[in-house]
Amino acid sequence: MTETVVPITTDNLKQCIEFKVFNSEPWNESWTYETAKERLTDLFHAPKFAGFFWKNNETPIGFIAGNSKTTYPRNNFVFGRIKTTYKKTLINS
């Protein structure tokens, strides 16, 4: 098992879009491929974006993404989405 974490880029953004986690517990949202594409692409292009893609060999198993927002007197990093195939670590902030 070779797990790696790499920055989210335009090359692997599509693999993040193809995850269907937000349609299941605990969120139960109704994301279509187009909805996921729009929301994650918007996040990807947000100012101060940071995101990481997690894979096992070449099989995608998770990602985390968000962006930094300045609030007086400091910066905060806001997690937009976290997804993993390991259910006990699912988080959404």
N, C-alpha and C. Protein backbone atom coordinates (compact mmCIF):
# COMPACT_ATOMS: atom_id res chain seq x y z
N MET A 1 0.85 -1.18 0.00
CA MET A 1 0.00 0.00 0.00
C MET A 1 0.90 1.24 0.00
N THR A 2 0.83 2.02 -1.06
CA THR A 2 1.62 3.24 -1.17
C THR A 2 0.68 4.43 -1.19
N GLU A 3 0.55 5.09 -0.06
CA GLU A 3 -0.31 6.26 0.03
C GLU A 3 0.52 7.51 -0.16
N THR A 4 -0.01 8.45 -0.94
CA THR A 4 0.65 9.73 -1.15
C THR A 4 -0.37 10.85 -1.05
N VAL A 5 0.12 12.01 -0.67
CA VAL A 5 -0.70 13.21 -0.62
C VAL A 5 -0.02 14.24 -1.50
N VAL A 6 -0.79 14.79 -2.45
CA VAL A 6 -0.26 15.77 -3.38
C VAL A 6 -1.20 16.97 -3.43
N PRO A 7 -0.70 18.14 -3.79
CA PRO A 7 -1.59 19.31 -3.92
C PRO A 7 -2.66 19.06 -4.99
N ILE A 8 -3.85 19.60 -4.77
CA ILE A 8 -4.90 19.55 -5.79
C ILE A 8 -4.50 20.50 -6.91
N THR A 9 -4.54 19.99 -8.12
CA THR A 9 -4.21 20.76 -9.32
C THR A 9 -5.33 20.57 -10.34
N THR A 10 -5.22 21.26 -11.44
CA THR A 10 -6.20 21.06 -12.51
C THR A 10 -6.14 19.63 -13.03
N ASP A 11 -5.00 18.96 -12.86
CA ASP A 11 -4.85 17.57 -13.33
C ASP A 11 -5.63 16.57 -12.49
N ASN A 12 -5.79 16.81 -11.18
CA ASN A 12 -6.50 15.85 -10.34
C ASN A 12 -7.82 16.39 -9.77
N LEU A 13 -8.20 17.61 -10.13
CA LEU A 13 -9.46 18.18 -9.65
C LEU A 13 -10.65 17.32 -10.08
N LYS A 14 -10.61 16.78 -11.29
CA LYS A 14 -11.72 15.96 -11.78
C LYS A 14 -11.95 14.75 -10.88
N GLN A 15 -10.87 14.16 -10.37
CA GLN A 15 -11.03 13.00 -9.48
C GLN A 15 -11.72 13.41 -8.18
N CYS A 16 -11.47 14.62 -7.70
CA CYS A 16 -12.18 15.10 -6.51
C CYS A 16 -13.66 15.29 -6.81
N ILE A 17 -13.95 15.83 -7.99
CA ILE A 17 -15.34 16.07 -8.40
C ILE A 17 -16.11 14.76 -8.46
N GLU A 18 -15.45 13.68 -8.85
CA GLU A 18 -16.13 12.40 -9.04
C GLU A 18 -16.47 11.67 -7.73
N PHE A 19 -15.92 12.12 -6.59
CA PHE A 19 -16.34 11.54 -5.32
C PHE A 19 -17.80 11.86 -5.09
N LYS A 20 -18.57 10.92 -4.56
CA LYS A 20 -20.00 11.15 -4.33
C LYS A 20 -20.35 11.15 -2.85
N VAL A 21 -19.39 11.49 -2.01
CA VAL A 21 -19.58 11.41 -0.57
C VAL A 21 -20.68 12.32 -0.06
N PHE A 22 -20.88 13.48 -0.66
CA PHE A 22 -21.82 14.43 -0.09
C PHE A 22 -23.27 14.04 -0.29
N ASN A 23 -23.52 12.98 -1.07
CA ASN A 23 -24.87 12.46 -1.24
C ASN A 23 -25.22 11.41 -0.19
N SER A 24 -24.29 11.12 0.69
CA SER A 24 -24.53 10.10 1.72
C SER A 24 -24.40 10.71 3.11
N GLU A 25 -24.55 9.88 4.12
CA GLU A 25 -24.43 10.34 5.52
C GLU A 25 -23.05 10.96 5.73
N PRO A 26 -22.89 11.96 6.50
CA PRO A 26 -23.92 12.62 7.29
C PRO A 26 -24.59 13.80 6.58
N TRP A 27 -24.18 14.13 5.34
CA TRP A 27 -24.68 15.34 4.69
C TRP A 27 -26.01 15.14 3.97
N ASN A 28 -26.16 14.02 3.26
CA ASN A 28 -27.39 13.74 2.51
C ASN A 28 -27.78 14.87 1.56
N GLU A 29 -26.79 15.46 0.90
CA GLU A 29 -27.06 16.48 -0.09
C GLU A 29 -27.35 15.82 -1.43
N SER A 30 -27.78 16.60 -2.40
CA SER A 30 -28.13 16.06 -3.71
C SER A 30 -27.19 16.61 -4.78
N TRP A 31 -25.93 16.22 -4.70
CA TRP A 31 -24.95 16.71 -5.67
C TRP A 31 -25.00 15.86 -6.93
N THR A 32 -25.13 16.51 -8.06
CA THR A 32 -24.92 15.84 -9.34
C THR A 32 -23.46 16.06 -9.71
N TYR A 33 -23.03 15.46 -10.78
CA TYR A 33 -21.66 15.70 -11.24
C TYR A 33 -21.48 17.20 -11.52
N GLU A 34 -22.48 17.83 -12.15
CA GLU A 34 -22.37 19.26 -12.48
C GLU A 34 -22.34 20.13 -11.23
N THR A 35 -23.13 19.77 -10.20
CA THR A 35 -23.12 20.52 -8.94
C THR A 35 -21.75 20.43 -8.30
N ALA A 36 -21.20 19.22 -8.21
CA ALA A 36 -19.88 19.03 -7.62
C ALA A 36 -18.82 19.78 -8.41
N LYS A 37 -18.93 19.73 -9.71
CA LYS A 37 -17.95 20.42 -10.57
C LYS A 37 -17.97 21.92 -10.30
N GLU A 38 -19.17 22.50 -10.24
CA GLU A 38 -19.28 23.94 -9.99
C GLU A 38 -18.75 24.32 -8.62
N ARG A 39 -19.17 23.59 -7.58
CA ARG A 39 -18.78 23.95 -6.22
C ARG A 39 -17.29 23.77 -5.98
N LEU A 40 -16.72 22.66 -6.44
CA LEU A 40 -15.30 22.42 -6.21
C LEU A 40 -14.42 23.27 -7.13
N THR A 41 -14.87 23.56 -8.33
CA THR A 41 -14.12 24.45 -9.21
C THR A 41 -14.10 25.86 -8.64
N ASP A 42 -15.25 26.33 -8.13
CA ASP A 42 -15.29 27.64 -7.48
C ASP A 42 -14.32 27.69 -6.30
N LEU A 43 -14.31 26.65 -5.48
CA LEU A 43 -13.40 26.61 -4.34
C LEU A 43 -11.95 26.60 -4.82
N PHE A 44 -11.66 25.83 -5.85
CA PHE A 44 -10.30 25.72 -6.41
C PHE A 44 -9.79 27.10 -6.87
N HIS A 45 -10.70 27.92 -7.40
CA HIS A 45 -10.30 29.23 -7.91
C HIS A 45 -10.45 30.35 -6.88
N ALA A 46 -10.83 30.02 -5.66
CA ALA A 46 -10.98 31.03 -4.61
C ALA A 46 -9.61 31.59 -4.23
N PRO A 47 -9.58 32.87 -3.84
CA PRO A 47 -8.31 33.43 -3.38
C PRO A 47 -7.76 32.62 -2.19
N LYS A 48 -6.46 32.46 -2.16
CA LYS A 48 -5.76 31.78 -1.06
C LYS A 48 -6.21 30.33 -0.88
N PHE A 49 -6.56 29.66 -2.00
CA PHE A 49 -6.96 28.25 -1.98
C PHE A 49 -5.78 27.36 -1.58
N ALA A 50 -6.08 26.32 -0.83
CA ALA A 50 -5.13 25.24 -0.56
C ALA A 50 -5.92 23.94 -0.55
N GLY A 51 -5.40 22.93 -1.20
CA GLY A 51 -6.09 21.65 -1.23
C GLY A 51 -5.11 20.52 -1.48
N PHE A 52 -5.43 19.37 -0.93
CA PHE A 52 -4.56 18.21 -1.07
C PHE A 52 -5.38 16.98 -1.43
N PHE A 53 -4.81 16.17 -2.28
CA PHE A 53 -5.44 14.98 -2.84
C PHE A 53 -4.69 13.77 -2.30
N TRP A 54 -5.42 12.80 -1.77
CA TRP A 54 -4.83 11.63 -1.13
C TRP A 54 -5.13 10.42 -2.00
N LYS A 55 -4.11 9.62 -2.30
CA LYS A 55 -4.33 8.43 -3.12
C LYS A 55 -3.51 7.26 -2.61
N ASN A 56 -4.00 6.08 -2.92
CA ASN A 56 -3.32 4.82 -2.61
C ASN A 56 -2.93 4.24 -3.95
N ASN A 57 -1.62 4.19 -4.21
CA ASN A 57 -1.11 3.91 -5.55
C ASN A 57 -1.75 4.95 -6.48
N GLU A 58 -2.57 4.59 -7.41
CA GLU A 58 -3.23 5.58 -8.25
C GLU A 58 -4.73 5.67 -7.97
N THR A 59 -5.19 4.99 -6.92
CA THR A 59 -6.61 5.01 -6.56
C THR A 59 -6.89 6.17 -5.62
N PRO A 60 -7.76 7.12 -6.02
CA PRO A 60 -8.08 8.24 -5.13
C PRO A 60 -8.83 7.76 -3.90
N ILE A 61 -8.40 8.24 -2.72
CA ILE A 61 -9.08 7.85 -1.48
C ILE A 61 -9.51 9.04 -0.64
N GLY A 62 -9.16 10.25 -1.05
CA GLY A 62 -9.63 11.39 -0.27
C GLY A 62 -9.07 12.71 -0.75
N PHE A 63 -9.66 13.78 -0.23
CA PHE A 63 -9.13 15.11 -0.47
C PHE A 63 -9.58 16.05 0.63
N ILE A 64 -8.86 17.15 0.76
CA ILE A 64 -9.21 18.22 1.70
C ILE A 64 -8.96 19.52 0.95
N ALA A 65 -9.86 20.48 1.10
CA ALA A 65 -9.70 21.73 0.38
C ALA A 65 -10.37 22.86 1.13
N GLY A 66 -9.82 24.05 0.97
CA GLY A 66 -10.41 25.23 1.58
C GLY A 66 -9.62 26.46 1.17
N ASN A 67 -9.86 27.56 1.86
CA ASN A 67 -9.11 28.76 1.56
C ASN A 67 -8.95 29.61 2.81
N SER A 68 -7.92 30.44 2.78
CA SER A 68 -7.63 31.32 3.89
C SER A 68 -8.47 32.59 3.77
N LYS A 69 -9.01 33.02 4.89
CA LYS A 69 -9.80 34.25 4.92
C LYS A 69 -9.25 35.14 6.03
N THR A 70 -9.06 36.40 5.71
CA THR A 70 -8.54 37.33 6.70
C THR A 70 -9.68 37.86 7.55
N THR A 71 -9.53 37.70 8.83
CA THR A 71 -10.46 38.28 9.79
C THR A 71 -9.61 38.98 10.85
N TYR A 72 -10.00 40.15 11.20
CA TYR A 72 -9.21 40.90 12.15
C TYR A 72 -9.19 40.18 13.49
N PRO A 73 -8.08 39.94 14.10
CA PRO A 73 -6.72 40.38 13.78
C PRO A 73 -5.87 39.28 13.14
N ARG A 74 -6.44 38.25 12.57
CA ARG A 74 -5.64 37.14 12.07
C ARG A 74 -6.26 36.53 10.82
N ASN A 75 -5.56 35.57 10.25
CA ASN A 75 -6.08 34.80 9.12
C ASN A 75 -6.67 33.50 9.64
N ASN A 76 -7.74 33.07 9.03
CA ASN A 76 -8.35 31.78 9.35
C ASN A 76 -8.37 30.93 8.10
N PHE A 77 -8.13 29.64 8.27
CA PHE A 77 -8.27 28.73 7.14
C PHE A 77 -9.61 28.04 7.27
N VAL A 78 -10.43 28.17 6.23
CA VAL A 78 -11.78 27.61 6.25
C VAL A 78 -11.78 26.36 5.38
N PHE A 79 -12.06 25.21 5.98
CA PHE A 79 -12.15 23.98 5.22
C PHE A 79 -13.44 24.00 4.42
N GLY A 80 -13.31 23.93 3.11
CA GLY A 80 -14.49 23.87 2.26
C GLY A 80 -15.02 22.46 2.19
N ARG A 81 -14.14 21.50 1.98
CA ARG A 81 -14.55 20.10 1.84
C ARG A 81 -13.44 19.18 2.31
N ILE A 82 -13.84 18.13 2.98
CA ILE A 82 -12.95 17.04 3.32
C ILE A 82 -13.67 15.77 2.94
N LYS A 83 -13.01 14.88 2.26
CA LYS A 83 -13.62 13.63 1.84
C LYS A 83 -12.61 12.52 1.93
N THR A 84 -13.02 11.41 2.44
CA THR A 84 -12.18 10.23 2.44
C THR A 84 -13.05 8.99 2.34
N THR A 85 -12.49 7.93 1.83
CA THR A 85 -13.23 6.68 1.77
C THR A 85 -13.24 5.98 3.13
N TYR A 86 -12.41 6.48 4.07
CA TYR A 86 -12.41 5.93 5.42
C TYR A 86 -13.47 6.65 6.23
N LYS A 87 -14.63 6.02 6.39
CA LYS A 87 -15.80 6.67 6.97
C LYS A 87 -15.58 7.26 8.34
N LYS A 88 -14.76 6.66 9.17
CA LYS A 88 -14.62 7.18 10.52
C LYS A 88 -13.90 8.52 10.55
N THR A 89 -13.34 8.99 9.42
CA THR A 89 -12.67 10.27 9.41
C THR A 89 -13.40 11.32 8.61
N LEU A 90 -14.65 11.08 8.22
CA LEU A 90 -15.39 12.07 7.45
C LEU A 90 -15.68 13.31 8.29
N ILE A 91 -15.35 14.45 7.74
CA ILE A 91 -15.56 15.73 8.43
C ILE A 91 -16.02 16.74 7.39
N ASN A 92 -16.85 17.68 7.78
CA ASN A 92 -17.19 18.80 6.92
C ASN A 92 -17.32 20.03 7.80
N SER A 93 -16.57 21.05 7.52
CA SER A 93 -16.62 22.26 8.31
C SER A 93 -17.18 23.41 7.50
